[in-house]
PDB file of N, CA and C in Angstrom:
ATOM      1  N   MET A   1      55.684  -0.823   3.794  1.00  0.00           N
ATOM      2  CA  MET A   1      56.574  -1.033   2.067  1.00  0.00           C
ATOM      3  C   MET A   1      57.755  -1.308   0.927  1.00  0.00           C
ATOM      4  N   ALA A   2      58.606  -0.643   2.169  1.00  0.00           N
ATOM      5  CA  ALA A   2      59.818  -1.096   1.744  1.00  0.00           C
ATOM      6  C   ALA A   2      60.206  -2.845   1.991  1.00  0.00           C
ATOM      7  N   ALA A   3      60.028  -2.593   3.513  1.00  0.00           N
ATOM      8  CA  ALA A   3      60.590  -4.235   3.387  1.00  0.00           C
ATOM      9  C   ALA A   3      59.846  -5.142   2.832  1.00  0.00           C
ATOM     10  N   LEU A   4      58.550  -5.121   2.218  1.00  0.00           N
ATOM     11  CA  LEU A   4      58.031  -5.925   0.793  1.00  0.00           C
ATOM     12  C   LEU A   4      59.381  -5.828   0.011  1.00  0.00           C
ATOM     13  N   ALA A   5      58.937  -5.099  -1.139  1.00  0.00           N
ATOM     14  CA  ALA A   5      60.019  -4.485  -1.933  1.00  0.00           C
ATOM     15  C   ALA A   5      61.477  -5.686  -1.751  1.00  0.00           C
ATOM     16  N   THR A   6      62.620  -5.400  -0.295  1.00  0.00           N
ATOM     17  CA  THR A   6      63.322  -5.977   0.025  1.00  0.00           C
ATOM     18  C   THR A   6      62.961  -7.641  -0.463  1.00  0.00           C
ATOM     19  N   LEU A   7      61.596  -8.035  -0.025  1.00  0.00           N
ATOM     20  CA  LEU A   7      61.802  -9.851   0.238  1.00  0.00           C
ATOM     21  C   LEU A   7      61.124  -9.874  -1.550  1.00  0.00           C
ATOM     22  N   ALA A   8      60.538  -9.115  -1.533  1.00  0.00           N
ATOM     23  CA  ALA A   8      60.323  -9.637  -3.415  1.00  0.00           C
ATOM     24  C   ALA A   8      61.472  -9.796  -4.237  1.00  0.00           C
ATOM     25  N   ALA A   9      62.763  -9.106  -3.632  1.00  0.00           N
ATOM     26  CA  ALA A   9      63.934  -9.182  -4.446  1.00  0.00           C
ATOM     27  C   ALA A   9      64.140 -10.323  -4.182  1.00  0.00           C
ATOM     28  N   CYS A  10      64.499 -11.065  -3.104  1.00  0.00           N
ATOM     29  CA  CYS A  10      65.361 -11.956  -2.876  1.00  0.00           C
ATOM     30  C   CYS A  10      64.501 -13.003  -2.861  1.00  0.00           C
ATOM     31  N   SER A  11      63.273 -13.486  -3.628  1.00  0.00           N
ATOM     32  CA  SER A  11      62.578 -14.267  -3.725  1.00  0.00           C
ATOM     33  C   SER A  11      62.848 -15.490  -5.746  1.00  0.00           C
ATOM     34  N   SER A  12      63.256 -16.594  -5.465  1.00  0.00           N
ATOM     35  CA  SER A  12      63.782 -17.148  -6.489  1.00  0.00           C
ATOM     36  C   SER A  12      63.539 -16.175  -7.998  1.00  0.00           C
ATOM     37  N   SER A  13      64.447 -16.955  -8.847  1.00  0.00           N
ATOM     38  CA  SER A  13      64.112 -16.036  -9.988  1.00  0.00           C
ATOM     39  C   SER A  13      63.428 -18.009 -10.948  1.00  0.00           C
ATOM     40  N   TYR A  14      62.666 -18.630 -10.298  1.00  0.00           N
ATOM     41  CA  TYR A  14      63.143 -19.964 -11.429  1.00  0.00           C
ATOM     42  C   TYR A  14      61.463 -20.173 -11.359  1.00  0.00           C
ATOM     43  N   PRO A  15      60.675 -20.442 -12.506  1.00  0.00           N
ATOM     44  CA  PRO A  15      59.494 -20.489 -12.032  1.00  0.00           C
ATOM     45  C   PRO A  15      58.996 -21.545 -11.516  1.00  0.00           C
ATOM     46  N   LEU A  16      57.630 -21.553 -10.539  1.00  0.00           N
ATOM     47  CA  LEU A  16      57.437 -22.928 -10.500  1.00  0.00           C
ATOM     48  C   LEU A  16      56.754 -23.942 -10.853  1.00  0.00           C
ATOM     49  N   PHE A  17      56.217 -23.169 -11.958  1.00  0.00           N
ATOM     50  CA  PHE A  17      55.183 -24.035 -12.811  1.00  0.00           C
ATOM     51  C   PHE A  17      55.814 -23.855 -14.041  1.00  0.00           C
ATOM     52  N   THR A  18      55.588 -24.526 -14.895  1.00  0.00           N
ATOM     53  CA  THR A  18      55.946 -24.606 -16.134  1.00  0.00           C
ATOM     54  C   THR A  18      55.083 -23.719 -17.100  1.00  0.00           C
ATOM     55  N   SER A  19      54.926 -23.680 -18.607  1.00  0.00           N
ATOM     56  CA  SER A  19      53.465 -23.014 -19.166  1.00  0.00           C
ATOM     57  C   SER A  19      52.225 -23.750 -18.980  1.00  0.00           C
ATOM     58  N   ASP A  20      52.717 -25.712 -19.009  1.00  0.00           N
ATOM     59  CA  ASP A  20      51.509 -26.227 -18.897  1.00  0.00           C
ATOM     60  C   ASP A  20      50.595 -27.015 -17.615  1.00  0.00           C
ATOM     61  N   GLY A  21      51.536 -25.897 -16.556  1.00  0.00           N
ATOM     62  CA  GLY A  21      51.575 -26.336 -15.368  1.00  0.00           C
ATOM     63  C   GLY A  21      51.888 -27.273 -14.727  1.00  0.00           C
ATOM     64  N   ARG A  22      52.772 -28.086 -14.912  1.00  0.00           N
ATOM     65  CA  ARG A  22      53.685 -29.008 -14.099  1.00  0.00           C
ATOM     66  C   ARG A  22      54.512 -27.935 -13.474  1.00  0.00           C
ATOM     67  N   PRO A  23      54.951 -28.650 -11.807  1.00  0.00           N
ATOM     68  CA  PRO A  23      55.666 -28.040 -11.314  1.00  0.00           C
ATOM     69  C   PRO A  23      57.193 -28.306 -11.393  1.00  0.00           C
ATOM     70  N   THR A  24      57.992 -27.360 -11.185  1.00  0.00           N
ATOM     71  CA  THR A  24      59.619 -27.489 -11.309  1.00  0.00           C
ATOM     72  C   THR A  24      59.806 -27.705 -10.120  1.00  0.00           C
ATOM     73  N   THR A  25      61.539 -28.571 -10.273  1.00  0.00           N
ATOM     74  CA  THR A  25      62.122 -28.494  -8.916  1.00  0.00           C
ATOM     75  C   THR A  25      63.749 -28.628  -9.457  1.00  0.00           C
ATOM     76  N   MET A  26      63.677 -27.579  -8.367  1.00  0.00           N
ATOM     77  CA  MET A  26      65.900 -27.214  -8.634  1.00  0.00           C
ATOM     78  C   MET A  26      66.632 -28.184  -7.798  1.00  0.00           C
ATOM     79  N   VAL A  27      67.439 -29.195  -8.915  1.00  0.00           N
ATOM     80  CA  VAL A  27      68.074 -30.093  -8.637  1.00  0.00           C
ATOM     81  C   VAL A  27      69.265 -29.829  -8.524  1.00  0.00           C
ATOM     82  N   ASP A  28      69.993 -29.707  -7.065  1.00  0.00           N
ATOM     83  CA  ASP A  28      71.061 -29.300  -6.934  1.00  0.00           C
ATOM     84  C   ASP A  28      71.842 -30.633  -6.654  1.00  0.00           C
ATOM     85  N   CYS A  29      73.404 -30.399  -7.537  1.00  0.00           N
ATOM     86  CA  CYS A  29      74.499 -31.050  -7.575  1.00  0.00           C
ATOM     87  C   CYS A  29      76.326 -30.145  -7.343  1.00  0.00           C
ATOM     88  N   SER A  30      75.838 -29.338  -6.740  1.00  0.00           N
ATOM     89  CA  SER A  30      77.179 -28.677  -6.298  1.00  0.00           C
ATOM     90  C   SER A  30      77.964 -29.385  -6.221  1.00  0.00           C
ATOM     91  N   GLY A  31      79.512 -29.185  -6.837  1.00  0.00           N
ATOM     92  CA  GLY A  31      80.392 -30.048  -6.186  1.00  0.00           C
ATOM     93  C   GLY A  31      81.223 -31.157  -7.205  1.00  0.00           C
ATOM     94  N   ALA A  32      79.672 -31.740  -7.896  1.00  0.00           N
ATOM     95  CA  ALA A  32      79.729 -32.909  -8.731  1.00  0.00           C
ATOM     96  C   ALA A  32      79.754 -32.366  -9.988  1.00  0.00           C
ATOM     97  N   ASP A  33      79.302 -33.456 -10.786  1.00  0.00           N
ATOM     98  CA  ASP A  33      79.585 -33.833 -12.580  1.00  0.00           C
ATOM     99  C   ASP A  33      78.279 -33.858 -12.592  1.00  0.00           C
ATOM    100  N   TRP A  34      78.354 -33.373 -13.946  1.00  0.00           N
ATOM    101  CA  TRP A  34      76.976 -32.910 -14.208  1.00  0.00           C
ATOM    102  C   TRP A  34      76.068 -34.682 -14.434  1.00  0.00           C
ATOM    103  N   SER A  35      76.381 -35.747 -14.121  1.00  0.00           N
ATOM    104  CA  SER A  35      75.692 -36.911 -14.562  1.00  0.00           C
ATOM    105  C   SER A  35      74.865 -37.159 -13.005  1.00  0.00           C
ATOM    106  N   LEU A  36      75.981 -36.548 -11.727  1.00  0.00           N
ATOM    107  CA  LEU A  36      74.883 -36.475 -10.624  1.00  0.00           C
ATOM    108  C   LEU A  36      73.477 -35.484 -10.862  1.00  0.00           C
ATOM    109  N   CYS A  37      73.832 -34.771 -11.135  1.00  0.00           N
ATOM    110  CA  CYS A  37      72.288 -33.637 -11.608  1.00  0.00           C
ATOM    111  C   CYS A  37      71.456 -34.721 -12.119  1.00  0.00           C
ATOM    112  N   GLN A  38      71.587 -35.228 -13.162  1.00  0.00           N
ATOM    113  CA  GLN A  38      71.163 -36.630 -14.302  1.00  0.00           C
ATOM    114  C   GLN A  38      69.971 -37.522 -13.539  1.00  0.00           C
ATOM    115  N   GLN A  39      71.238 -37.534 -12.656  1.00  0.00           N
ATOM    116  CA  GLN A  39      70.836 -39.363 -11.932  1.00  0.00           C
ATOM    117  C   GLN A  39      69.793 -38.827 -10.371  1.00  0.00           C
ATOM    118  N   ARG A  40      70.007 -37.676 -10.045  1.00  0.00           N
ATOM    119  CA  ARG A  40      69.561 -37.254  -9.003  1.00  0.00           C
ATOM    120  C   ARG A  40      67.740 -36.723  -9.849  1.00  0.00           C
ATOM    121  N   ALA A  41      67.355 -36.422 -11.307  1.00  0.00           N
ATOM    122  CA  ALA A  41      65.913 -35.931 -11.586  1.00  0.00           C
ATOM    123  C   ALA A  41      65.817 -37.165 -12.121  1.00  0.00           C
ATOM    124  N   GLN A  42      66.284 -38.170 -12.325  1.00  0.00           N
ATOM    125  CA  GLN A  42      65.410 -39.489 -12.657  1.00  0.00           C
ATOM    126  C   GLN A  42      65.025 -39.859 -11.458  1.00  0.00           C
ATOM    127  N   ALA A  43      65.626 -39.976 -10.759  1.00  0.00           N
ATOM    128  CA  ALA A  43      64.943 -40.239  -9.656  1.00  0.00           C
ATOM    129  C   ALA A  43      64.213 -39.791  -8.751  1.00  0.00           C
ATOM    130  N   LEU A  44      63.920 -38.143  -9.424  1.00  0.00           N
ATOM    131  CA  LEU A  44      62.564 -37.800  -8.537  1.00  0.00           C
ATOM    132  C   LEU A  44      61.549 -38.017  -9.429  1.00  0.00           C
ATOM    133  N   CYS A  45      61.768 -38.065 -10.428  1.00  0.00           N
ATOM    134  CA  CYS A  45      60.462 -38.334 -11.950  1.00  0.00           C
ATOM    135  C   CYS A  45      60.483 -39.782 -12.379  1.00  0.00           C
ATOM    136  N   PRO A  46      58.844 -40.139 -12.087  1.00  0.00           N
ATOM    137  CA  PRO A  46      58.522 -41.345 -12.740  1.00  0.00           C
ATOM    138  C   PRO A  46      58.842 -41.633 -14.423  1.00  0.00           C
ATOM    139  N   ALA A  47      59.374 -42.806 -14.104  1.00  0.00           N
ATOM    140  CA  ALA A  47      59.620 -43.574 -15.501  1.00  0.00           C
ATOM    141  C   ALA A  47      60.594 -42.488 -16.204  1.00  0.00           C
ATOM    142  N   SER A  48      61.043 -42.113 -14.790  1.00  0.00           N
ATOM    143  CA  SER A  48      62.984 -41.178 -15.526  1.00  0.00           C
ATOM    144  C   SER A  48      62.971 -40.562 -16.530  1.00  0.00           C
ATOM    145  N   GLN A  49      61.608 -39.792 -16.828  1.00  0.00           N
ATOM    146  CA  GLN A  49      61.203 -38.713 -17.662  1.00  0.00           C
ATOM    147  C   GLN A  49      60.862 -37.354 -17.199  1.00  0.00           C
ATOM    148  N   TYR A  50      61.554 -36.718 -17.305  1.00  0.00           N
ATOM    149  CA  TYR A  50      61.733 -34.469 -17.156  1.00  0.00           C
ATOM    150  C   TYR A  50      62.230 -34.360 -18.482  1.00  0.00           C
ATOM    151  N   ASP A  51      61.729 -33.130 -18.211  1.00  0.00           N
ATOM    152  CA  ASP A  51      62.307 -32.399 -19.375  1.00  0.00           C
ATOM    153  C   ASP A  51      63.439 -30.637 -18.265  1.00  0.00           C
ATOM    154  N   VAL A  52      64.415 -30.577 -18.610  1.00  0.00           N
ATOM    155  CA  VAL A  52      65.645 -29.799 -18.451  1.00  0.00           C
ATOM    156  C   VAL A  52      64.394 -28.029 -19.059  1.00  0.00           C
ATOM    157  N   ILE A  53      64.370 -27.617 -17.699  1.00  0.00           N
ATOM    158  CA  ILE A  53      63.905 -26.263 -18.215  1.00  0.00           C
ATOM    159  C   ILE A  53      65.155 -25.196 -18.071  1.00  0.00           C
ATOM    160  N   ASP A  54      66.291 -25.051 -17.172  1.00  0.00           N
ATOM    161  CA  ASP A  54      67.370 -24.251 -16.828  1.00  0.00           C
ATOM    162  C   ASP A  54      68.288 -24.783 -16.602  1.00  0.00           C
ATOM    163  N   ARG A  55      69.328 -24.258 -16.671  1.00  0.00           N
ATOM    164  CA  ARG A  55      70.059 -25.294 -16.210  1.00  0.00           C
ATOM    165  C   ARG A  55      71.155 -23.862 -15.464  1.00  0.00           C
ATOM    166  N   ARG A  56      72.093 -24.451 -14.622  1.00  0.00           N
ATOM    167  CA  ARG A  56      72.778 -23.229 -14.012  1.00  0.00           C
ATOM    168  C   ARG A  56      74.130 -23.803 -13.848  1.00  0.00           C
ATOM    169  N   ASP A  57      75.136 -22.914 -13.627  1.00  0.00           N
ATOM    170  CA  ASP A  57      76.451 -23.857 -13.067  1.00  0.00           C
ATOM    171  C   ASP A  57      77.488 -22.234 -13.036  1.00  0.00           C
ATOM    172  N   GLY A  58      77.408 -22.126 -11.989  1.00  0.00           N
ATOM    173  CA  GLY A  58      77.958 -20.684 -11.948  1.00  0.00           C
ATOM    174  C   GLY A  58      79.212 -20.780  -9.853  1.00  0.00           C
ATOM    175  N   SER A  59      79.182 -19.367  -9.703  1.00  0.00           N
ATOM    176  CA  SER A  59      79.931 -19.743  -8.016  1.00  0.00           C
ATOM    177  C   SER A  59      78.641 -19.907  -7.795  1.00  0.00           C
ATOM    178  N   ASP A  60      77.452 -19.151  -7.825  1.00  0.00           N
ATOM    179  CA  ASP A  60      76.593 -20.077  -6.750  1.00  0.00           C
ATOM    180  C   ASP A  60      76.220 -21.388  -6.838  1.00  0.00           C
ATOM    181  N   GLY A  61      77.059 -22.468  -7.748  1.00  0.00           N
ATOM    182  CA  GLY A  61      76.285 -24.270  -7.457  1.00  0.00           C
ATOM    183  C   GLY A  61      76.155 -24.403  -8.936  1.00  0.00           C
ATOM    184  N   ARG A  62      75.699 -25.864  -9.062  1.00  0.00           N
ATOM    185  CA  ARG A  62      75.536 -25.983 -10.276  1.00  0.00           C
ATOM    186  C   ARG A  62      73.996 -27.310  -9.660  1.00  0.00           C
ATOM    187  N   GLY A  63      73.222 -26.452 -10.626  1.00  0.00           N
ATOM    188  CA  GLY A  63      71.932 -27.071 -10.515  1.00  0.00           C
ATOM    189  C   GLY A  63      71.094 -27.216 -12.006  1.00  0.00           C
ATOM    190  N   LEU A  64      70.145 -27.896 -12.334  1.00  0.00           N
ATOM    191  CA  LEU A  64      69.020 -27.975 -13.246  1.00  0.00           C
ATOM    192  C   LEU A  64      67.701 -27.890 -12.523  1.00  0.00           C
ATOM    193  N   LEU A  65      67.485 -27.163 -13.302  1.00  0.00           N
ATOM    194  CA  LEU A  65      65.657 -27.033 -12.936  1.00  0.00           C
ATOM    195  C   LEU A  65      64.604 -27.761 -13.910  1.00  0.00           C
ATOM    196  N   VAL A  66      64.209 -28.763 -13.478  1.00  0.00           N
ATOM    197  CA  VAL A  66      63.771 -29.849 -14.131  1.00  0.00           C
ATOM    198  C   VAL A  66      61.944 -30.069 -13.846  1.00  0.00           C
ATOM    199  N   ALA A  67      61.598 -30.308 -14.890  1.00  0.00           N
ATOM    200  CA  ALA A  67      59.494 -30.727 -14.992  1.00  0.00           C
ATOM    201  C   ALA A  67      59.286 -31.945 -15.621  1.00  0.00           C
ATOM    202  N   CYS A  68      59.135 -32.389 -14.082  1.00  0.00           N
ATOM    203  CA  CYS A  68      58.273 -34.088 -14.868  1.00  0.00           C
ATOM    204  C   CYS A  68      57.584 -34.652 -15.757  1.00  0.00           C
ATOM    205  N   LYS A  69      57.887 -35.338 -16.320  1.00  0.00           N
ATOM    206  CA  LYS A  69      57.315 -35.541 -17.367  1.00  0.00           C
ATOM    207  C   LYS A  69      55.809 -36.586 -16.719  1.00  0.00           C
ATOM    208  N   GLY A  70      54.871 -36.473 -17.407  1.00  0.00           N
ATOM    209  CA  GLY A  70      54.048 -38.263 -16.990  1.00  0.00           C
ATOM    210  C   GLY A  70      52.721 -37.026 -15.939  1.00  0.00           C
ATOM    211  N   PRO A  71      51.501 -37.605 -14.924  1.00  0.00           N
ATOM    212  CA  PRO A  71      50.803 -37.752 -13.850  1.00  0.00           C
ATOM    213  C   PRO A  71      51.601 -37.460 -12.833  1.00  0.00           C
ATOM    214  N   LYS A  72      52.240 -37.340 -12.481  1.00  0.00           N
ATOM    215  CA  LYS A  72      52.477 -37.193 -11.013  1.00  0.00           C
ATOM    216  C   LYS A  72      54.380 -37.573 -10.995  1.00  0.00           C
ATOM    217  N   ALA A  73      55.023 -36.531  -9.760  1.00  0.00           N
ATOM    218  CA  ALA A  73      55.940 -36.753  -9.311  1.00  0.00           C
ATOM    219  C   ALA A  73      56.720 -36.620  -8.058  1.00  0.00           C
ATOM    220  N   SER A  74      57.209 -36.911  -7.466  1.00  0.00           N
ATOM    221  CA  SER A  74      57.364 -37.016  -5.864  1.00  0.00           C
ATOM    222  C   SER A  74      58.023 -36.374  -5.869  1.00  0.00           C
ATOM    223  N   VAL A  75      57.897 -35.295  -4.777  1.00  0.00           N
ATOM    224  CA  VAL A  75      58.523 -33.951  -4.231  1.00  0.00           C
ATOM    225  C   VAL A  75      59.133 -34.705  -2.953  1.00  0.00           C
ATOM    226  N   GLN A  76      60.209 -34.115  -3.213  1.00  0.00           N
ATOM    227  CA  GLN A  76      61.448 -34.235  -2.146  1.00  0.00           C
ATOM    228  C   GLN A  76      62.065 -33.330  -1.377  1.00  0.00           C
TER     229      GLN A  76
END
């Protein structure tokens, strides 16, 4: 039982899906500027359209949590 509690504490705090059911993806751009995050999100999403769900910038790295707009997103 204690092992399950430990595993749960290690899980990601980011949502896997938006409230409207779209999957989210963490775009990592640690060590670079925000334009790299934006370029990676645009490359991931059809027609380069996405919503930023969360943004992190700290000692643990830099990244954007995005959800693509539209019917399908490429998973990488």
